[in-house]
Amino acid sequence: MPPIPGVNHRRAVRAFERGGFRVIREGKHIVMSNSQLTIVIPRNDPVNSYTMAGIVLQAGLTIDEFMTLL
C-alpha cells in the first residue's frame, strides 16, 4: 500500500463527497454514506495516516483513487 499523508478532516470529507459519499450525521465524528457503504471520519487535524488509510479502504477506494480525489 502506498503511503498516505495525514489529512485534515474537512479536506477528507470534500474528497469523499467528490467520490459519491454524502454526510449523514455530524458530531465528534462525521458519518458519511454512499447508500451501500458507511464510513466514519474523526474530527482530527490531521487524521492519522493509518486511520485515514483504513477509512479509504472501508470506502472501497484505493489509496491512489483517494489521492486523486484530494
PDB file of N, CA and C in Angstrom:
ATOM      1  N   MET A   1       0.853  -1.170   0.000  1.00  0.00           N
ATOM      2  CA  MET A   1       0.000   0.000   0.000  1.00  0.00           C
ATOM      3  C   MET A   1       0.899   1.233   0.000  1.00  0.00           C
ATOM      4  N   PRO A   2       0.676   2.160  -0.932  1.00  0.00           N
ATOM      5  CA  PRO A   2       1.473   3.380  -0.934  1.00  0.00           C
ATOM      6  C   PRO A   2       1.166   4.226   0.298  1.00  0.00           C
ATOM      7  N   PRO A   3       2.130   4.998   0.734  1.00  0.00           N
ATOM      8  CA  PRO A   3       1.891   5.824   1.926  1.00  0.00           C
ATOM      9  C   PRO A   3       0.840   6.894   1.662  1.00  0.00           C
ATOM     10  N   ILE A   4       0.106   7.210   2.705  1.00  0.00           N
ATOM     11  CA  ILE A   4      -0.905   8.259   2.626  1.00  0.00           C
ATOM     12  C   ILE A   4      -0.589   9.261   3.734  1.00  0.00           C
ATOM     13  N   PRO A   5      -0.583  10.535   3.440  1.00  0.00           N
ATOM     14  CA  PRO A   5      -0.270  11.508   4.487  1.00  0.00           C
ATOM     15  C   PRO A   5      -1.447  11.700   5.430  1.00  0.00           C
ATOM     16  N   GLY A   6      -1.173  12.278   6.590  1.00  0.00           N
ATOM     17  CA  GLY A   6      -2.262  12.700   7.458  1.00  0.00           C
ATOM     18  C   GLY A   6      -3.046  13.785   6.738  1.00  0.00           C
ATOM     19  N   VAL A   7      -4.365  13.716   6.796  1.00  0.00           N
ATOM     20  CA  VAL A   7      -5.220  14.628   6.030  1.00  0.00           C
ATOM     21  C   VAL A   7      -6.152  15.357   6.986  1.00  0.00           C
ATOM     22  N   ASN A   8      -6.354  16.641   6.760  1.00  0.00           N
ATOM     23  CA  ASN A   8      -7.318  17.425   7.514  1.00  0.00           C
ATOM     24  C   ASN A   8      -8.701  16.812   7.296  1.00  0.00           C
ATOM     25  N   HIS A   9      -9.514  16.702   8.344  1.00  0.00           N
ATOM     26  CA  HIS A   9     -10.811  16.027   8.209  1.00  0.00           C
ATOM     27  C   HIS A   9     -11.740  16.734   7.233  1.00  0.00           C
ATOM     28  N   ARG A  10     -11.683  18.061   7.142  1.00  0.00           N
ATOM     29  CA  ARG A  10     -12.538  18.787   6.195  1.00  0.00           C
ATOM     30  C   ARG A  10     -12.156  18.452   4.752  1.00  0.00           C
ATOM     31  N   ARG A  11     -10.858  18.351   4.524  1.00  0.00           N
ATOM     32  CA  ARG A  11     -10.374  18.010   3.182  1.00  0.00           C
ATOM     33  C   ARG A  11     -10.777  16.581   2.815  1.00  0.00           C
ATOM     34  N   ALA A  12     -10.731  15.675   3.778  1.00  0.00           N
ATOM     35  CA  ALA A  12     -11.142  14.291   3.538  1.00  0.00           C
ATOM     36  C   ALA A  12     -12.631  14.213   3.217  1.00  0.00           C
ATOM     37  N   VAL A  13     -13.451  14.977   3.936  1.00  0.00           N
ATOM     38  CA  VAL A  13     -14.898  14.982   3.681  1.00  0.00           C
ATOM     39  C   VAL A  13     -15.171  15.467   2.260  1.00  0.00           C
ATOM     40  N   ARG A  14     -14.508  16.532   1.840  1.00  0.00           N
ATOM     41  CA  ARG A  14     -14.699  17.033   0.469  1.00  0.00           C
ATOM     42  C   ARG A  14     -14.287  15.989  -0.568  1.00  0.00           C
ATOM     43  N   ALA A  15     -13.194  15.283  -0.299  1.00  0.00           N
ATOM     44  CA  ALA A  15     -12.728  14.259  -1.234  1.00  0.00           C
ATOM     45  C   ALA A  15     -13.739  13.117  -1.339  1.00  0.00           C
ATOM     46  N   PHE A  16     -14.278  12.672  -0.201  1.00  0.00           N
ATOM     47  CA  PHE A  16     -15.268  11.599  -0.237  1.00  0.00           C
ATOM     48  C   PHE A  16     -16.568  12.072  -0.894  1.00  0.00           C
ATOM     49  N   GLU A  17     -16.918  13.339  -0.730  1.00  0.00           N
ATOM     50  CA  GLU A  17     -18.101  13.871  -1.421  1.00  0.00           C
ATOM     51  C   GLU A  17     -17.902  13.828  -2.929  1.00  0.00           C
ATOM     52  N   ARG A  18     -16.692  14.126  -3.390  1.00  0.00           N
ATOM     53  CA  ARG A  18     -16.394  14.018  -4.818  1.00  0.00           C
ATOM     54  C   ARG A  18     -16.487  12.560  -5.277  1.00  0.00           C
ATOM     55  N   GLY A  19     -16.247  11.635  -4.358  1.00  0.00           N
ATOM     56  CA  GLY A  19     -16.305  10.211  -4.667  1.00  0.00           C
ATOM     57  C   GLY A  19     -17.687   9.607  -4.539  1.00  0.00           C
ATOM     58  N   GLY A  20     -18.702  10.425  -4.253  1.00  0.00           N
ATOM     59  CA  GLY A  20     -20.068   9.928  -4.234  1.00  0.00           C
ATOM     60  C   GLY A  20     -20.670   9.725  -2.847  1.00  0.00           C
ATOM     61  N   PHE A  21     -19.937  10.055  -1.798  1.00  0.00           N
ATOM     62  CA  PHE A  21     -20.474   9.930  -0.442  1.00  0.00           C
ATOM     63  C   PHE A  21     -21.173  11.225  -0.053  1.00  0.00           C
ATOM     64  N   ARG A  22     -22.089  11.140   0.917  1.00  0.00           N
ATOM     65  CA  ARG A  22     -22.736  12.338   1.441  1.00  0.00           C
ATOM     66  C   ARG A  22     -22.755  12.258   2.959  1.00  0.00           C
ATOM     67  N   VAL A  23     -22.782  13.400   3.589  1.00  0.00           N
ATOM     68  CA  VAL A  23     -22.769  13.466   5.054  1.00  0.00           C
ATOM     69  C   VAL A  23     -24.137  13.066   5.588  1.00  0.00           C
ATOM     70  N   ILE A  24     -24.142  12.118   6.504  1.00  0.00           N
ATOM     71  CA  ILE A  24     -25.373  11.639   7.134  1.00  0.00           C
ATOM     72  C   ILE A  24     -25.563  12.313   8.492  1.00  0.00           C
ATOM     73  N   ARG A  25     -24.475  12.379   9.272  1.00  0.00           N
ATOM     74  CA  ARG A  25     -24.560  12.900  10.629  1.00  0.00           C
ATOM     75  C   ARG A  25     -23.213  13.505  11.009  1.00  0.00           C
ATOM     76  N   GLU A  26     -23.254  14.559  11.808  1.00  0.00           N
ATOM     77  CA  GLU A  26     -22.042  15.205  12.287  1.00  0.00           C
ATOM     78  C   GLU A  26     -22.090  15.346  13.792  1.00  0.00           C
ATOM     79  N   GLY A  27     -20.972  15.142  14.423  1.00  0.00           N
ATOM     80  CA  GLY A  27     -20.811  15.291  15.857  1.00  0.00           C
ATOM     81  C   GLY A  27     -19.310  15.294  16.111  1.00  0.00           C
ATOM     82  N   LYS A  28     -18.855  14.459  17.059  1.00  0.00           N
ATOM     83  CA  LYS A  28     -17.418  14.317  17.255  1.00  0.00           C
ATOM     84  C   LYS A  28     -16.787  13.585  16.075  1.00  0.00           C
ATOM     85  N   HIS A  29     -17.611  12.844  15.340  1.00  0.00           N
ATOM     86  CA  HIS A  29     -17.192  12.163  14.126  1.00  0.00           C
ATOM     87  C   HIS A  29     -18.169  12.546  13.016  1.00  0.00           C
ATOM     88  N   ILE A  30     -17.720  12.427  11.782  1.00  0.00           N
ATOM     89  CA  ILE A  30     -18.569  12.704  10.634  1.00  0.00           C
ATOM     90  C   ILE A  30     -18.908  11.363   9.992  1.00  0.00           C
ATOM     91  N   VAL A  31     -20.189  11.063   9.887  1.00  0.00           N
ATOM     92  CA  VAL A  31     -20.649   9.809   9.294  1.00  0.00           C
ATOM     93  C   VAL A  31     -21.089  10.107   7.876  1.00  0.00           C
ATOM     94  N   MET A  32     -20.539   9.346   6.925  1.00  0.00           N
ATOM     95  CA  MET A  32     -20.858   9.542   5.514  1.00  0.00           C
ATOM     96  C   MET A  32     -21.311   8.216   4.913  1.00  0.00           C
ATOM     97  N   SER A  33     -22.143   8.296   3.872  1.00  0.00           N
ATOM     98  CA  SER A  33     -22.638   7.093   3.216  1.00  0.00           C
ATOM     99  C   SER A  33     -22.796   7.341   1.728  1.00  0.00           C
ATOM    100  N   ASN A  34     -22.689   6.263   0.949  1.00  0.00           N
ATOM    101  CA  ASN A  34     -22.981   6.333  -0.483  1.00  0.00           C
ATOM    102  C   ASN A  34     -24.132   5.386  -0.825  1.00  0.00           C
ATOM    103  N   SER A  35     -24.978   5.078   0.138  1.00  0.00           N
ATOM    104  CA  SER A  35     -26.144   4.197   0.081  1.00  0.00           C
ATOM    105  C   SER A  35     -25.781   2.722   0.121  1.00  0.00           C
ATOM    106  N   GLN A  36     -24.506   2.377  -0.030  1.00  0.00           N
ATOM    107  CA  GLN A  36     -24.073   0.993   0.110  1.00  0.00           C
ATOM    108  C   GLN A  36     -23.093   0.844   1.260  1.00  0.00           C
ATOM    109  N   LEU A  37     -22.202   1.804   1.401  1.00  0.00           N
ATOM    110  CA  LEU A  37     -21.162   1.770   2.422  1.00  0.00           C
ATOM    111  C   LEU A  37     -21.288   2.968   3.347  1.00  0.00           C
ATOM    112  N   THR A  38     -20.908   2.777   4.587  1.00  0.00           N
ATOM    113  CA  THR A  38     -20.895   3.864   5.564  1.00  0.00           C
ATOM    114  C   THR A  38     -19.488   3.979   6.121  1.00  0.00           C
ATOM    115  N   ILE A  39     -18.985   5.208   6.189  1.00  0.00           N
ATOM    116  CA  ILE A  39     -17.661   5.456   6.761  1.00  0.00           C
ATOM    117  C   ILE A  39     -17.781   6.494   7.858  1.00  0.00           C
ATOM    118  N   VAL A  40     -16.832   6.472   8.787  1.00  0.00           N
ATOM    119  CA  VAL A  40     -16.812   7.405   9.905  1.00  0.00           C
ATOM    120  C   VAL A  40     -15.453   8.090   9.914  1.00  0.00           C
ATOM    121  N   ILE A  41     -15.468   9.419   9.870  1.00  0.00           N
ATOM    122  CA  ILE A  41     -14.238  10.214   9.861  1.00  0.00           C
ATOM    123  C   ILE A  41     -14.149  10.987  11.174  1.00  0.00           C
ATOM    124  N   PRO A  42     -13.078  10.793  11.944  1.00  0.00           N
ATOM    125  CA  PRO A  42     -12.931  11.560  13.190  1.00  0.00           C
ATOM    126  C   PRO A  42     -12.579  13.016  12.878  1.00  0.00           C
ATOM    127  N   ARG A  43     -12.979  13.905  13.766  1.00  0.00           N
ATOM    128  CA  ARG A  43     -12.659  15.330  13.599  1.00  0.00           C
ATOM    129  C   ARG A  43     -11.289  15.610  14.204  1.00  0.00           C
ATOM    130  N   ASN A  44     -10.254  15.114  13.573  1.00  0.00           N
ATOM    131  CA  ASN A  44      -8.878  15.365  13.992  1.00  0.00           C
ATOM    132  C   ASN A  44      -8.178  16.137  12.894  1.00  0.00           C
ATOM    133  N   ASP A  45      -7.260  16.982  13.268  1.00  0.00           N
ATOM    134  CA  ASP A  45      -6.464  17.708  12.287  1.00  0.00           C
ATOM    135  C   ASP A  45      -4.991  17.508  12.588  1.00  0.00           C
ATOM    136  N   PRO A  46      -4.298  16.722  11.842  1.00  0.00           N
ATOM    137  CA  PRO A  46      -4.766  15.874  10.744  1.00  0.00           C
ATOM    138  C   PRO A  46      -5.239  14.521  11.259  1.00  0.00           C
ATOM    139  N   VAL A  47      -6.025  13.821  10.442  1.00  0.00           N
ATOM    140  CA  VAL A  47      -6.405  12.441  10.745  1.00  0.00           C
ATOM    141  C   VAL A  47      -5.152  11.601  10.519  1.00  0.00           C
ATOM    142  N   ASN A  48      -4.807  10.754  11.479  1.00  0.00           N
ATOM    143  CA  ASN A  48      -3.622   9.903  11.414  1.00  0.00           C
ATOM    144  C   ASN A  48      -3.591   9.147  10.091  1.00  0.00           C
ATOM    145  N   SER A  49      -2.414   8.958   9.532  1.00  0.00           N
ATOM    146  CA  SER A  49      -2.298   8.323   8.216  1.00  0.00           C
ATOM    147  C   SER A  49      -2.800   6.885   8.223  1.00  0.00           C
ATOM    148  N   TYR A  50      -2.566   6.129   9.301  1.00  0.00           N
ATOM    149  CA  TYR A  50      -3.061   4.748   9.370  1.00  0.00           C
ATOM    150  C   TYR A  50      -4.588   4.724   9.449  1.00  0.00           C
ATOM    151  N   THR A  51      -5.159   5.631  10.222  1.00  0.00           N
ATOM    152  CA  THR A  51      -6.613   5.732  10.328  1.00  0.00           C
ATOM    153  C   THR A  51      -7.211   6.117   8.985  1.00  0.00           C
ATOM    154  N   MET A  52      -6.596   7.086   8.319  1.00  0.00           N
ATOM    155  CA  MET A  52      -7.097   7.539   7.022  1.00  0.00           C
ATOM    156  C   MET A  52      -7.036   6.420   5.999  1.00  0.00           C
ATOM    157  N   ALA A  53      -5.962   5.640   5.997  1.00  0.00           N
ATOM    158  CA  ALA A  53      -5.835   4.523   5.061  1.00  0.00           C
ATOM    159  C   ALA A  53      -6.934   3.490   5.306  1.00  0.00           C
ATOM    160  N   GLY A  54      -7.259   3.231   6.569  1.00  0.00           N
ATOM    161  CA  GLY A  54      -8.330   2.297   6.889  1.00  0.00           C
ATOM    162  C   GLY A  54      -9.678   2.792   6.420  1.00  0.00           C
ATOM    163  N   ILE A  55      -9.941   4.093   6.584  1.00  0.00           N
ATOM    164  CA  ILE A  55     -11.204   4.679   6.136  1.00  0.00           C
ATOM    165  C   ILE A  55     -11.318   4.588   4.614  1.00  0.00           C
ATOM    166  N   VAL A  56     -10.222   4.865   3.928  1.00  0.00           N
ATOM    167  CA  VAL A  56     -10.223   4.804   2.459  1.00  0.00           C
ATOM    168  C   VAL A  56     -10.541   3.385   1.993  1.00  0.00           C
ATOM    169  N   LEU A  57      -9.944   2.388   2.626  1.00  0.00           N
ATOM    170  CA  LEU A  57     -10.209   1.003   2.239  1.00  0.00           C
ATOM    171  C   LEU A  57     -11.642   0.595   2.557  1.00  0.00           C
ATOM    172  N   GLN A  58     -12.190   1.082   3.683  1.00  0.00           N
ATOM    173  CA  GLN A  58     -13.592   0.798   4.015  1.00  0.00           C
ATOM    174  C   GLN A  58     -14.531   1.422   2.990  1.00  0.00           C
ATOM    175  N   ALA A  59     -14.125   2.525   2.406  1.00  0.00           N
ATOM    176  CA  ALA A  59     -14.943   3.212   1.411  1.00  0.00           C
ATOM    177  C   ALA A  59     -14.888   2.512   0.051  1.00  0.00           C
ATOM    178  N   GLY A  60     -14.060   1.487  -0.062  1.00  0.00           N
ATOM    179  CA  GLY A  60     -13.962   0.754  -1.317  1.00  0.00           C
ATOM    180  C   GLY A  60     -13.091   1.429  -2.350  1.00  0.00           C
ATOM    181  N   LEU A  61     -12.231   2.330  -1.892  1.00  0.00           N
ATOM    182  CA  LEU A  61     -11.323   3.033  -2.787  1.00  0.00           C
ATOM    183  C   LEU A  61      -9.904   2.536  -2.574  1.00  0.00           C
ATOM    184  N   THR A  62      -9.062   2.742  -3.560  1.00  0.00           N
ATOM    185  CA  THR A  62      -7.645   2.505  -3.362  1.00  0.00           C
ATOM    186  C   THR A  62      -7.018   3.816  -2.879  1.00  0.00           C
ATOM    187  N   ILE A  63      -5.819   3.715  -2.348  1.00  0.00           N
ATOM    188  CA  ILE A  63      -5.117   4.912  -1.877  1.00  0.00           C
ATOM    189  C   ILE A  63      -4.908   5.884  -3.048  1.00  0.00           C
ATOM    190  N   ASP A  64      -4.549   5.347  -4.201  1.00  0.00           N
ATOM    191  CA  ASP A  64      -4.314   6.212  -5.376  1.00  0.00           C
ATOM    192  C   ASP A  64      -5.589   6.923  -5.808  1.00  0.00           C
ATOM    193  N   GLU A  65      -6.725   6.231  -5.786  1.00  0.00           N
ATOM    194  CA  GLU A  65      -8.000   6.862  -6.151  1.00  0.00           C
ATOM    195  C   GLU A  65      -8.332   7.986  -5.170  1.00  0.00           C
ATOM    196  N   PHE A  66      -8.097   7.743  -3.872  1.00  0.00           N
ATOM    197  CA  PHE A  66      -8.364   8.770  -2.875  1.00  0.00           C
ATOM    198  C   PHE A  66      -7.453   9.978  -3.077  1.00  0.00           C
ATOM    199  N   MET A  67      -6.192   9.722  -3.373  1.00  0.00           N
ATOM    200  CA  MET A  67      -5.245  10.822  -3.574  1.00  0.00           C
ATOM    201  C   MET A  67      -5.658  11.688  -4.755  1.00  0.00           C
ATOM    202  N   THR A  68      -6.259  11.102  -5.789  1.00  0.00           N
ATOM    203  CA  THR A  68      -6.702  11.912  -6.930  1.00  0.00           C
ATOM    204  C   THR A  68      -7.949  12.725  -6.553  1.00  0.00           C
ATOM    205  N   LEU A  69      -8.767  12.211  -5.619  1.00  0.00           N
ATOM    206  CA  LEU A  69      -9.947  12.963  -5.171  1.00  0.00           C
ATOM    207  C   LEU A  69      -9.575  14.152  -4.285  1.00  0.00           C
ATOM    208  N   LEU A  70      -8.408  14.060  -3.613  1.00  0.00           N
ATOM    209  CA  LEU A  70      -7.962  15.183  -2.786  1.00  0.00           C
ATOM    210  C   LEU A  70      -7.650  16.331  -3.709  1.00  0.00           C
TER     211      LEU A  70
END
